[in-house]
Amino acid sequence: MLIDALQCGHFTREVFEDLRANGYTCVTPTLGFWEGTLESMDSLGRWRDFERECSDLIVIARKSADIRRADEEGKLAVVLGYQNSNLFEDRLAYIELFADMGVRVVQLTYNNQNELGGSCYEAQDSGLARFGREVVREMNRAGIVIDCSHVGDRTTLDAIEWSEKPVAITHANARAIFDHKRNKSDDVLRALVQNGGVIGCVAYRNITPQDACTTVDAWCQMVARTVELTSIDSVGIGTDYSHNTGQPDLDWMRKGRWTRSVQYGAGSAANPGKTPKPDWLKSAGELNKVHDGLRRVGFNAEEVHKLTAGNWLRLYQAVFG
């Protein structure tokens, strides 16, 4: 089995065929970054159309059993997610409504502070706001995974403390391995382990060591180091792989509608544009190399299963059944 907890971009039938042909069990696409309620519902409508048009290939997963069933039927399970909480538009009741529509993962903040808490790029992270606490508990109740990938450290720690269910960091690396604001501190990783949460190791160049972008074995060594910092039960895959994207997509991710100024996201003035794919992951299907790579760096078969699928399945079961 192979689960990637975060991809983005423009999905097509060809993308689904590539993922399933190369052994993917489940993927979480990004349905939105800055969009409000109506636009977010539009994206849900498009994915329901996808499910009808590609019913021989994909299934929208609402329960963890749907993931296992899709795998048995030779289909790709899709867990629908958003990289920001704008879809709720300050309305607590909308959380349950979006859960009823099939949303299973929502990131508390993206690259800016919002009414829930702080992002990883704020000079000062305010921590989880009172409304953020309400949202965390309501997401617990509704069965939506709390994602803290782009969330500031203090807000992440608060969310982990406040949550009654395991919390996810779907796409980030350990800051001790690669020092970047988008990556996670030792304190966060320790808290995540205690919470029963999972971090999905990234293959995005801007926040990943250069050698881990060069060969699959080096990337698997990075995974092994992450396990040393956390536990074998706390690490999965969240590549942050993007499909069919161009500069307009990058501009939207980085700037949304909130600024006219230059924004680099995880990049920099020295590296302002679209980041090349890792040498070993030019197409998303090549992720299937990690099974053998993880064995070569010392993991046994049971541990490989946990890292490639089992830990995410456990978290999904705990959060949305």
C-alpha atoms as a PDB file:
ATOM      1  CA  MET A   1       0.000   0.000   0.000  1.00  0.00           C
ATOM      2  CA  LEU A   2       1.063   3.584  -0.612  1.00  0.00           C
ATOM      3  CA  ILE A   3      -0.571   6.708   0.869  1.00  0.00           C
ATOM      4  CA  ASP A   4       0.547  10.256   0.052  1.00  0.00           C
ATOM      5  CA  ALA A   5      -1.084  12.658   2.512  1.00  0.00           C
ATOM      6  CA  LEU A   6      -0.614  15.787   0.395  1.00  0.00           C
ATOM      7  CA  GLN A   7      -0.428  16.589  -3.285  1.00  0.00           C
ATOM      8  CA  CYS A   8      -1.668  19.647  -5.136  1.00  0.00           C
ATOM      9  CA  GLY A   9      -2.181  21.056  -8.614  1.00  0.00           C
ATOM     10  CA  HIS A  10      -4.527  20.066 -11.412  1.00  0.00           C
ATOM     11  CA  PHE A  11      -5.601  16.433 -11.361  1.00  0.00           C
ATOM     12  CA  THR A  12      -6.740  14.668 -14.539  1.00  0.00           C
ATOM     13  CA  ARG A  13      -7.706  11.166 -15.554  1.00  0.00           C
ATOM     14  CA  GLU A  14      -4.116  10.688 -16.720  1.00  0.00           C
ATOM     15  CA  VAL A  15      -2.857  11.603 -13.258  1.00  0.00           C
ATOM     16  CA  PHE A  16      -5.224   9.104 -11.631  1.00  0.00           C
ATOM     17  CA  GLU A  17      -4.102   6.392 -14.074  1.00  0.00           C
ATOM     18  CA  ASP A  18      -0.446   7.080 -13.267  1.00  0.00           C
ATOM     19  CA  LEU A  19      -0.996   6.996  -9.519  1.00  0.00           C
ATOM     20  CA  ARG A  20      -3.013   3.802  -9.510  1.00  0.00           C
ATOM     21  CA  ALA A  21      -0.773   2.031 -12.045  1.00  0.00           C
ATOM     22  CA  ASN A  22       2.189   2.732  -9.765  1.00  0.00           C
ATOM     23  CA  GLY A  23       0.657   1.305  -6.626  1.00  0.00           C
ATOM     24  CA  TYR A  24      -0.922   4.267  -4.877  1.00  0.00           C
ATOM     25  CA  THR A  25      -3.628   3.322  -2.418  1.00  0.00           C
ATOM     26  CA  CYS A  26      -4.736   6.828  -1.430  1.00  0.00           C
ATOM     27  CA  VAL A  27      -3.881  10.476  -2.030  1.00  0.00           C
ATOM     28  CA  THR A  28      -5.063  13.753  -0.486  1.00  0.00           C
ATOM     29  CA  PRO A  29      -5.373  16.486  -3.131  1.00  0.00           C
ATOM     30  CA  THR A  30      -5.456  20.159  -2.184  1.00  0.00           C
ATOM     31  CA  LEU A  31      -8.900  21.558  -3.044  1.00  0.00           C
ATOM     32  CA  GLY A  32      -8.114  25.101  -1.938  1.00  0.00           C
ATOM     33  CA  PHE A  33      -5.680  27.579  -0.393  1.00  0.00           C
ATOM     34  CA  TRP A  34      -7.382  30.980   0.006  1.00  0.00           C
ATOM     35  CA  GLU A  35     -10.902  30.267  -1.232  1.00  0.00           C
ATOM     36  CA  GLY A  36     -13.992  31.059   0.813  1.00  0.00           C
ATOM     37  CA  THR A  37     -17.120  28.968   1.267  1.00  0.00           C
ATOM     38  CA  LEU A  38     -18.705  29.233  -2.181  1.00  0.00           C
ATOM     39  CA  GLU A  39     -15.452  28.680  -4.079  1.00  0.00           C
ATOM     40  CA  SER A  40     -14.651  25.754  -1.800  1.00  0.00           C
ATOM     41  CA  MET A  41     -18.018  24.215  -2.570  1.00  0.00           C
ATOM     42  CA  ASP A  42     -17.255  24.676  -6.282  1.00  0.00           C
ATOM     43  CA  SER A  43     -14.094  22.626  -5.849  1.00  0.00           C
ATOM     44  CA  LEU A  44     -16.069  19.914  -4.049  1.00  0.00           C
ATOM     45  CA  GLY A  45     -18.504  19.860  -6.940  1.00  0.00           C
ATOM     46  CA  ARG A  46     -15.660  19.400  -9.407  1.00  0.00           C
ATOM     47  CA  TRP A  47     -14.293  16.461  -7.417  1.00  0.00           C
ATOM     48  CA  ARG A  48     -17.694  14.810  -7.288  1.00  0.00           C
ATOM     49  CA  ASP A  49     -17.801  15.150 -11.067  1.00  0.00           C
ATOM     50  CA  PHE A  50     -14.344  13.559 -11.178  1.00  0.00           C
ATOM     51  CA  GLU A  51     -15.619  10.634  -9.137  1.00  0.00           C
ATOM     52  CA  ARG A  52     -18.495  10.074 -11.571  1.00  0.00           C
ATOM     53  CA  GLU A  53     -16.389  10.537 -14.696  1.00  0.00           C
ATOM     54  CA  CYS A  54     -13.570   8.312 -13.407  1.00  0.00           C
ATOM     55  CA  SER A  55     -15.617   5.834 -11.385  1.00  0.00           C
ATOM     56  CA  ASP A  56     -13.457   3.008 -12.717  1.00  0.00           C
ATOM     57  CA  LEU A  57     -10.377   4.656 -11.176  1.00  0.00           C
ATOM     58  CA  ILE A  58     -11.164   6.681  -8.046  1.00  0.00           C
ATOM     59  CA  VAL A  59     -13.356   6.709  -4.956  1.00  0.00           C
ATOM     60  CA  ILE A  60     -13.799   9.650  -2.578  1.00  0.00           C
ATOM     61  CA  ALA A  61     -13.033   8.188   0.848  1.00  0.00           C
ATOM     62  CA  ARG A  62     -15.234   9.238   3.747  1.00  0.00           C
ATOM     63  CA  LYS A  63     -14.147   6.422   6.097  1.00  0.00           C
ATOM     64  CA  SER A  64     -10.871   4.551   6.436  1.00  0.00           C
ATOM     65  CA  ALA A  65     -12.728   1.399   5.306  1.00  0.00           C
ATOM     66  CA  ASP A  66     -13.309   3.144   1.955  1.00  0.00           C
ATOM     67  CA  ILE A  67      -9.528   3.314   1.495  1.00  0.00           C
ATOM     68  CA  ARG A  68      -9.098  -0.395   2.103  1.00  0.00           C
ATOM     69  CA  ARG A  69     -12.059  -1.246  -0.120  1.00  0.00           C
ATOM     70  CA  ALA A  70     -10.757   0.919  -2.966  1.00  0.00           C
ATOM     71  CA  ASP A  71      -7.409  -0.843  -2.739  1.00  0.00           C
ATOM     72  CA  GLU A  72      -9.107  -4.251  -2.932  1.00  0.00           C
ATOM     73  CA  GLU A  73     -11.038  -3.081  -6.003  1.00  0.00           C
ATOM     74  CA  GLY A  74      -7.932  -1.740  -7.743  1.00  0.00           C
ATOM     75  CA  LYS A  75      -9.021   1.878  -7.398  1.00  0.00           C
ATOM     76  CA  LEU A  76      -7.426   5.007  -5.947  1.00  0.00           C
ATOM     77  CA  ALA A  77      -8.968   6.406  -2.757  1.00  0.00           C
ATOM     78  CA  VAL A  78      -9.101  10.200  -2.530  1.00  0.00           C
ATOM     79  CA  VAL A  79      -9.242  11.955   0.862  1.00  0.00           C
ATOM     80  CA  LEU A  80     -10.442  15.511   0.220  1.00  0.00           C
ATOM     81  CA  GLY A  81      -8.526  18.304   1.924  1.00  0.00           C
ATOM     82  CA  TYR A  82      -7.910  22.058   2.088  1.00  0.00           C
ATOM     83  CA  GLN A  83      -4.743  23.910   3.025  1.00  0.00           C
ATOM     84  CA  ASN A  84      -6.557  26.684   4.891  1.00  0.00           C
ATOM     85  CA  SER A  85      -9.657  27.145   7.017  1.00  0.00           C
ATOM     86  CA  ASN A  86     -11.133  29.991   4.912  1.00  0.00           C
ATOM     87  CA  LEU A  87     -13.834  27.617   3.690  1.00  0.00           C
ATOM     88  CA  PHE A  88     -15.514  27.921   7.117  1.00  0.00           C
ATOM     89  CA  GLU A  89     -15.713  31.753   6.940  1.00  0.00           C
ATOM     90  CA  ASP A  90     -15.814  32.198  10.735  1.00  0.00           C
ATOM     91  CA  ARG A  91     -18.890  29.973  11.036  1.00  0.00           C
ATOM     92  CA  LEU A  92     -18.443  27.057  13.413  1.00  0.00           C
ATOM     93  CA  ALA A  93     -21.515  25.309  12.016  1.00  0.00           C
ATOM     94  CA  TYR A  94     -19.922  25.110   8.557  1.00  0.00           C
ATOM     95  CA  ILE A  95     -17.375  22.583   9.834  1.00  0.00           C
ATOM     96  CA  GLU A  96     -20.032  19.894  10.170  1.00  0.00           C
ATOM     97  CA  LEU A  97     -21.569  20.867   6.833  1.00  0.00           C
ATOM     98  CA  PHE A  98     -18.264  20.475   5.007  1.00  0.00           C
ATOM     99  CA  ALA A  99     -17.662  17.178   6.793  1.00  0.00           C
ATOM    100  CA  ASP A 100     -21.066  16.020   5.544  1.00  0.00           C
ATOM    101  CA  MET A 101     -19.951  16.993   2.020  1.00  0.00           C
ATOM    102  CA  GLY A 102     -16.898  14.745   2.292  1.00  0.00           C
ATOM    103  CA  VAL A 103     -14.086  17.007   3.528  1.00  0.00           C
ATOM    104  CA  ARG A 104     -11.692  15.039   5.724  1.00  0.00           C
ATOM    105  CA  VAL A 105      -8.562  17.218   6.129  1.00  0.00           C
ATOM    106  CA  VAL A 106      -8.279  20.959   6.834  1.00  0.00           C
ATOM    107  CA  GLN A 107      -5.141  22.933   7.660  1.00  0.00           C
ATOM    108  CA  LEU A 108      -5.744  25.503  10.393  1.00  0.00           C
ATOM    109  CA  THR A 109      -3.709  28.304   8.774  1.00  0.00           C
ATOM    110  CA  TYR A 110      -1.842  28.635   5.504  1.00  0.00           C
ATOM    111  CA  ASN A 111       0.927  31.227   5.082  1.00  0.00           C
ATOM    112  CA  ASN A 112      -0.767  34.029   7.042  1.00  0.00           C
ATOM    113  CA  GLN A 113      -2.151  34.555  10.508  1.00  0.00           C
ATOM    114  CA  ASN A 114      -5.905  34.073  10.524  1.00  0.00           C
ATOM    115  CA  GLU A 115      -8.713  34.103  13.070  1.00  0.00           C
ATOM    116  CA  LEU A 116      -7.676  30.628  14.328  1.00  0.00           C
ATOM    117  CA  GLY A 117      -4.005  31.269  15.021  1.00  0.00           C
ATOM    118  CA  GLY A 118      -0.537  31.943  13.638  1.00  0.00           C
ATOM    119  CA  SER A 119       1.265  30.698  10.538  1.00  0.00           C
ATOM    120  CA  CYS A 120       4.855  29.543  10.221  1.00  0.00           C
ATOM    121  CA  TYR A 121       5.829  32.842   8.549  1.00  0.00           C
ATOM    122  CA  GLU A 122       4.648  35.277  11.230  1.00  0.00           C
ATOM    123  CA  ALA A 123       7.346  37.189  13.118  1.00  0.00           C
ATOM    124  CA  GLN A 124       5.445  36.324  16.292  1.00  0.00           C
ATOM    125  CA  ASP A 125       3.119  33.340  16.534  1.00  0.00           C
ATOM    126  CA  SER A 126       0.096  34.338  18.621  1.00  0.00           C
ATOM    127  CA  GLY A 127      -0.883  30.762  19.436  1.00  0.00           C
ATOM    128  CA  LEU A 128      -4.306  29.191  19.062  1.00  0.00           C
ATOM    129  CA  ALA A 129      -7.069  31.793  19.412  1.00  0.00           C
ATOM    130  CA  ARG A 130     -10.272  31.201  21.358  1.00  0.00           C
ATOM    131  CA  PHE A 131     -12.069  30.624  18.077  1.00  0.00           C
ATOM    132  CA  GLY A 132      -9.258  28.277  17.067  1.00  0.00           C
ATOM    133  CA  ARG A 133      -9.960  26.156  20.142  1.00  0.00           C
ATOM    134  CA  GLU A 134     -13.619  25.944  19.153  1.00  0.00           C
ATOM    135  CA  VAL A 135     -12.645  24.930  15.625  1.00  0.00           C
ATOM    136  CA  VAL A 136     -10.228  22.236  16.838  1.00  0.00           C
ATOM    137  CA  ARG A 137     -12.878  20.615  19.039  1.00  0.00           C
ATOM    138  CA  GLU A 138     -15.545  20.890  16.332  1.00  0.00           C
ATOM    139  CA  MET A 139     -13.208  19.311  13.770  1.00  0.00           C
ATOM    140  CA  ASN A 140     -12.639  16.513  16.290  1.00  0.00           C
ATOM    141  CA  ARG A 141     -16.396  16.049  16.647  1.00  0.00           C
ATOM    142  CA  ALA A 142     -17.105  16.211  12.905  1.00  0.00           C
ATOM    143  CA  GLY A 143     -14.296  13.821  11.951  1.00  0.00           C
ATOM    144  CA  ILE A 144     -11.959  16.164  10.080  1.00  0.00           C
ATOM    145  CA  VAL A 145      -8.178  15.759  10.381  1.00  0.00           C
ATOM    146  CA  ILE A 146      -6.460  18.819  11.869  1.00  0.00           C
ATOM    147  CA  ASP A 147      -3.458  19.646   9.669  1.00  0.00           C
ATOM    148  CA  CYS A 148      -0.680  21.862  11.075  1.00  0.00           C
ATOM    149  CA  SER A 149       1.791  21.789   8.162  1.00  0.00           C
ATOM    150  CA  HIS A 150       2.003  25.559   7.524  1.00  0.00           C
ATOM    151  CA  VAL A 151       0.980  26.456  11.079  1.00  0.00           C
ATOM    152  CA  GLY A 152       3.326  28.259  13.478  1.00  0.00           C
ATOM    153  CA  ASP A 153       5.019  26.273  16.228  1.00  0.00           C
ATOM    154  CA  ARG A 154       3.164  27.835  19.142  1.00  0.00           C
ATOM    155  CA  THR A 155      -0.207  27.462  17.436  1.00  0.00           C
ATOM    156  CA  THR A 156       0.677  23.873  16.501  1.00  0.00           C
ATOM    157  CA  LEU A 157       1.593  23.036  20.100  1.00  0.00           C
ATOM    158  CA  ASP A 158      -1.652  24.604  21.306  1.00  0.00           C
ATOM    159  CA  ALA A 159      -3.668  22.657  18.723  1.00  0.00           C
ATOM    160  CA  ILE A 160      -2.017  19.385  19.714  1.00  0.00           C
ATOM    161  CA  GLU A 161      -2.703  20.097  23.381  1.00  0.00           C
ATOM    162  CA  TRP A 162      -6.320  21.091  22.751  1.00  0.00           C
ATOM    163  CA  SER A 163      -7.193  18.313  20.308  1.00  0.00           C
ATOM    164  CA  GLU A 164      -8.847  15.170  21.610  1.00  0.00           C
ATOM    165  CA  LYS A 165      -7.763  13.221  18.520  1.00  0.00           C
ATOM    166  CA  PRO A 166      -4.416  12.715  16.743  1.00  0.00           C
ATOM    167  CA  VAL A 167      -3.171  15.752  14.793  1.00  0.00           C
ATOM    168  CA  ALA A 168      -1.475  15.589  11.389  1.00  0.00           C
ATOM    169  CA  ILE A 169       1.415  17.461   9.868  1.00  0.00           C
ATOM    170  CA  THR A 170       0.662  16.209   6.384  1.00  0.00           C
ATOM    171  CA  HIS A 171       3.621  17.757   4.542  1.00  0.00           C
ATOM    172  CA  ALA A 172       6.737  19.010   6.312  1.00  0.00           C
ATOM    173  CA  ASN A 173      10.156  17.836   7.416  1.00  0.00           C
ATOM    174  CA  ALA A 174      12.009  18.034  10.714  1.00  0.00           C
ATOM    175  CA  ARG A 175      13.726  21.382  11.296  1.00  0.00           C
ATOM    176  CA  ALA A 176      16.654  19.539  12.870  1.00  0.00           C
ATOM    177  CA  ILE A 177      17.253  17.946   9.468  1.00  0.00           C
ATOM    178  CA  PHE A 178      16.615  21.022   7.312  1.00  0.00           C
ATOM    179  CA  ASP A 179      16.396  24.423   8.978  1.00  0.00           C
ATOM    180  CA  HIS A 180      13.410  26.216   7.448  1.00  0.00           C
ATOM    181  CA  LYS A 181      10.401  27.996   8.940  1.00  0.00           C
ATOM    182  CA  ARG A 182       8.093  25.549   7.179  1.00  0.00           C
ATOM    183  CA  ASN A 183       9.688  22.596   8.956  1.00  0.00           C
ATOM    184  CA  LYS A 184       8.886  21.434  12.466  1.00  0.00           C
ATOM    185  CA  SER A 185      10.797  21.961  15.703  1.00  0.00           C
ATOM    186  CA  ASP A 186      11.849  19.213  18.085  1.00  0.00           C
ATOM    187  CA  ASP A 187       9.235  20.457  20.588  1.00  0.00           C
ATOM    188  CA  VAL A 188       6.476  20.073  18.016  1.00  0.00           C
ATOM    189  CA  LEU A 189       7.654  16.610  17.011  1.00  0.00           C
ATOM    190  CA  ARG A 190       7.782  15.441  20.627  1.00  0.00           C
ATOM    191  CA  ALA A 191       4.266  16.724  21.239  1.00  0.00           C
ATOM    192  CA  LEU A 192       3.057  15.070  18.034  1.00  0.00           C
ATOM    193  CA  VAL A 193       4.363  11.695  19.224  1.00  0.00           C
ATOM    194  CA  GLN A 194       2.567  12.057  22.550  1.00  0.00           C
ATOM    195  CA  ASN A 195      -0.634  12.985  20.712  1.00  0.00           C
ATOM    196  CA  GLY A 196      -0.462   9.926  18.434  1.00  0.00           C
ATOM    197  CA  GLY A 197      -0.122  12.171  15.397  1.00  0.00           C
ATOM    198  CA  VAL A 198       1.815  11.692  12.156  1.00  0.00           C
ATOM    199  CA  ILE A 199       4.202  13.855  10.112  1.00  0.00           C
ATOM    200  CA  GLY A 200       4.329  13.289   6.352  1.00  0.00           C
ATOM    201  CA  CYS A 201       7.877  13.664   5.040  1.00  0.00           C
ATOM    202  CA  VAL A 202       8.143  16.041   2.094  1.00  0.00           C
ATOM    203  CA  ALA A 203      10.003  15.791  -1.205  1.00  0.00           C
ATOM    204  CA  TYR A 204       9.611  19.516  -2.016  1.00  0.00           C
ATOM    205  CA  ARG A 205      13.066  20.944  -2.753  1.00  0.00           C
ATOM    206  CA  ASN A 206      12.688  24.218  -0.880  1.00  0.00           C
ATOM    207  CA  ILE A 207      12.337  22.465   2.478  1.00  0.00           C
ATOM    208  CA  THR A 208      14.225  19.216   1.818  1.00  0.00           C
ATOM    209  CA  PRO A 209      17.983  18.522   1.945  1.00  0.00           C
ATOM    210  CA  GLN A 210      19.635  18.564  -1.476  1.00  0.00           C
ATOM    211  CA  ASP A 211      20.875  14.989  -1.244  1.00  0.00           C
ATOM    212  CA  ALA A 212      17.356  13.800  -0.381  1.00  0.00           C
ATOM    213  CA  CYS A 213      16.209  15.384  -3.643  1.00  0.00           C
ATOM    214  CA  THR A 214      18.914  13.581  -5.600  1.00  0.00           C
ATOM    215  CA  THR A 215      18.344   9.897  -4.818  1.00  0.00           C
ATOM    216  CA  VAL A 216      15.518   7.890  -3.307  1.00  0.00           C
ATOM    217  CA  ASP A 217      17.923   6.215  -0.884  1.00  0.00           C
ATOM    218  CA  ALA A 218      19.027   9.600   0.485  1.00  0.00           C
ATOM    219  CA  TRP A 219      15.367  10.603   0.881  1.00  0.00           C
ATOM    220  CA  CYS A 220      14.708   7.340   2.730  1.00  0.00           C
ATOM    221  CA  GLN A 221      17.695   8.093   4.965  1.00  0.00           C
ATOM    222  CA  MET A 222      15.969  11.384   5.791  1.00  0.00           C
ATOM    223  CA  VAL A 223      12.837   9.421   6.697  1.00  0.00           C
ATOM    224  CA  ALA A 224      14.960   7.183   8.921  1.00  0.00           C
ATOM    225  CA  ARG A 225      16.398  10.236  10.676  1.00  0.00           C
ATOM    226  CA  THR A 226      12.840  11.560  11.180  1.00  0.00           C
ATOM    227  CA  VAL A 227      11.884   8.250  12.775  1.00  0.00           C
ATOM    228  CA  GLU A 228      14.862   8.608  15.127  1.00  0.00           C
ATOM    229  CA  LEU A 229      13.579  12.056  16.140  1.00  0.00           C
ATOM    230  CA  THR A 230      10.008  10.774  16.627  1.00  0.00           C
ATOM    231  CA  SER A 231       8.959   7.117  16.448  1.00  0.00           C
ATOM    232  CA  ILE A 232       8.207   4.446  13.874  1.00  0.00           C
ATOM    233  CA  ASP A 233       4.501   5.072  14.491  1.00  0.00           C
ATOM    234  CA  SER A 234       4.678   8.837  13.858  1.00  0.00           C
ATOM    235  CA  VAL A 235       6.056   9.140  10.313  1.00  0.00           C
ATOM    236  CA  GLY A 236       4.407   8.831   6.915  1.00  0.00           C
ATOM    237  CA  ILE A 237       4.636  10.346   3.447  1.00  0.00           C
ATOM    238  CA  GLY A 238       3.336  13.740   2.321  1.00  0.00           C
ATOM    239  CA  THR A 239       5.342  14.656  -0.756  1.00  0.00           C
ATOM    240  CA  ASP A 240       3.732  18.050  -1.586  1.00  0.00           C
ATOM    241  CA  TYR A 241       4.017  16.961  -5.231  1.00  0.00           C
ATOM    242  CA  SER A 242       2.284  19.340  -7.662  1.00  0.00           C
ATOM    243  CA  HIS A 243       0.561  18.271 -10.883  1.00  0.00           C
ATOM    244  CA  ASN A 244       0.309  20.395 -14.029  1.00  0.00           C
ATOM    245  CA  THR A 245       1.012  23.726 -12.331  1.00  0.00           C
ATOM    246  CA  GLY A 246       2.480  26.936 -13.735  1.00  0.00           C
ATOM    247  CA  GLN A 247       3.379  30.424 -12.574  1.00  0.00           C
ATOM    248  CA  PRO A 248      -0.264  31.548 -12.132  1.00  0.00           C
ATOM    249  CA  ASP A 249      -0.824  28.639  -9.734  1.00  0.00           C
ATOM    250  CA  LEU A 250       2.339  29.527  -7.824  1.00  0.00           C
ATOM    251  CA  ASP A 251       1.289  33.178  -7.604  1.00  0.00           C
ATOM    252  CA  TRP A 252      -2.107  32.178  -6.214  1.00  0.00           C
ATOM    253  CA  MET A 253      -0.563  29.877  -3.611  1.00  0.00           C
ATOM    254  CA  ARG A 254       1.851  32.562  -2.463  1.00  0.00           C
ATOM    255  CA  LYS A 255      -0.216  35.727  -2.793  1.00  0.00           C
ATOM    256  CA  GLY A 256      -3.898  34.849  -2.934  1.00  0.00           C
ATOM    257  CA  ARG A 257      -5.910  38.074  -2.871  1.00  0.00           C
ATOM    258  CA  TRP A 258      -4.296  39.483   0.254  1.00  0.00           C
ATOM    259  CA  THR A 259      -1.246  41.249  -1.238  1.00  0.00           C
ATOM    260  CA  ARG A 260       0.211  42.945  -4.318  1.00  0.00           C
ATOM    261  CA  SER A 261       3.771  42.579  -3.051  1.00  0.00           C
ATOM    262  CA  VAL A 262       6.304  39.953  -4.044  1.00  0.00           C
ATOM    263  CA  GLN A 263       5.970  36.751  -2.014  1.00  0.00           C
ATOM    264  CA  TYR A 264       8.298  33.771  -2.203  1.00  0.00           C
ATOM    265  CA  GLY A 265       6.491  31.229  -0.033  1.00  0.00           C
ATOM    266  CA  ALA A 266       9.050  28.595   0.910  1.00  0.00           C
ATOM    267  CA  GLY A 267      11.377  30.003  -1.747  1.00  0.00           C
ATOM    268  CA  SER A 268      13.531  33.110  -1.583  1.00  0.00           C
ATOM    269  CA  ALA A 269      14.772  36.060  -3.634  1.00  0.00           C
ATOM    270  CA  ALA A 270      17.586  33.798  -4.810  1.00  0.00           C
ATOM    271  CA  ASN A 271      15.087  31.057  -5.683  1.00  0.00           C
ATOM    272  CA  PRO A 272      11.883  32.892  -6.614  1.00  0.00           C
ATOM    273  CA  GLY A 273      10.254  30.681  -9.222  1.00  0.00           C
ATOM    274  CA  LYS A 274       8.797  27.232  -9.565  1.00  0.00           C
ATOM    275  CA  THR A 275      11.023  24.659  -7.911  1.00  0.00           C
ATOM    276  CA  PRO A 276      12.174  21.653  -9.997  1.00  0.00           C
ATOM    277  CA  LYS A 277      10.953  18.230  -8.983  1.00  0.00           C
ATOM    278  CA  PRO A 278      13.399  15.955  -7.123  1.00  0.00           C
ATOM    279  CA  ASP A 279      15.670  14.053  -9.463  1.00  0.00           C
ATOM    280  CA  TRP A 280      14.201  10.730  -8.306  1.00  0.00           C
ATOM    281  CA  LEU A 281      10.554  11.917  -8.373  1.00  0.00           C
ATOM    282  CA  LYS A 282      10.045  13.526 -11.773  1.00  0.00           C
ATOM    283  CA  SER A 283       6.619  11.886 -11.975  1.00  0.00           C
ATOM    284  CA  ALA A 284       4.402  11.143  -8.993  1.00  0.00           C
ATOM    285  CA  GLY A 285       4.263   7.457  -9.877  1.00  0.00           C
ATOM    286  CA  GLU A 286       7.957   7.100  -9.100  1.00  0.00           C
ATOM    287  CA  LEU A 287       7.103   7.350  -5.406  1.00  0.00           C
ATOM    288  CA  ASN A 288       6.699   3.569  -5.467  1.00  0.00           C
ATOM    289  CA  LYS A 289      10.518   3.424  -5.319  1.00  0.00           C
ATOM    290  CA  VAL A 290      10.371   4.215  -1.614  1.00  0.00           C
ATOM    291  CA  HIS A 291       9.329   0.689  -0.613  1.00  0.00           C
ATOM    292  CA  ASP A 292      12.660  -0.785  -1.731  1.00  0.00           C
ATOM    293  CA  GLY A 293      14.524   2.346  -0.621  1.00  0.00           C
ATOM    294  CA  LEU A 294      13.209   2.039   2.918  1.00  0.00           C
ATOM    295  CA  ARG A 295      14.238  -1.621   3.037  1.00  0.00           C
ATOM    296  CA  ARG A 296      17.730  -0.718   1.842  1.00  0.00           C
ATOM    297  CA  VAL A 297      18.192   1.816   4.646  1.00  0.00           C
ATOM    298  CA  GLY A 298      17.292  -0.766   7.277  1.00  0.00           C
ATOM    299  CA  PHE A 299      13.524  -0.932   7.824  1.00  0.00           C
ATOM    300  CA  ASN A 300      11.803  -4.318   7.939  1.00  0.00           C
ATOM    301  CA  ALA A 301       8.596  -5.153   6.067  1.00  0.00           C
ATOM    302  CA  GLU A 302       6.293  -4.214   8.956  1.00  0.00           C
ATOM    303  CA  GLU A 303       8.033  -0.880   9.422  1.00  0.00           C
ATOM    304  CA  VAL A 304       7.901  -0.108   5.699  1.00  0.00           C
ATOM    305  CA  HIS A 305       4.151  -0.698   5.764  1.00  0.00           C
ATOM    306  CA  LYS A 306       3.734   1.705   8.676  1.00  0.00           C
ATOM    307  CA  LEU A 307       5.754   4.414   6.909  1.00  0.00           C
ATOM    308  CA  THR A 308       4.120   4.033   3.507  1.00  0.00           C
ATOM    309  CA  ALA A 309       0.498   3.532   4.585  1.00  0.00           C
ATOM    310  CA  GLY A 310      -0.167   2.066   8.010  1.00  0.00           C
ATOM    311  CA  ASN A 311       0.430   5.141  10.145  1.00  0.00           C
ATOM    312  CA  TRP A 312      -1.890   7.276   8.021  1.00  0.00           C
ATOM    313  CA  LEU A 313      -4.545   4.564   8.075  1.00  0.00           C
ATOM    314  CA  ARG A 314      -4.366   4.452  11.868  1.00  0.00           C
ATOM    315  CA  LEU A 315      -4.716   8.233  12.131  1.00  0.00           C
ATOM    316  CA  TYR A 316      -7.606   8.299   9.649  1.00  0.00           C
ATOM    317  CA  GLN A 317      -9.357   5.546  11.589  1.00  0.00           C
ATOM    318  CA  ALA A 318      -8.918   7.491  14.827  1.00  0.00           C
ATOM    319  CA  VAL A 319     -10.207  10.769  13.378  1.00  0.00           C
ATOM    320  CA  PHE A 320     -12.968   9.917  10.906  1.00  0.00           C
ATOM    321  CA  GLY A 321     -13.606   6.233  11.463  1.00  0.00           C
END
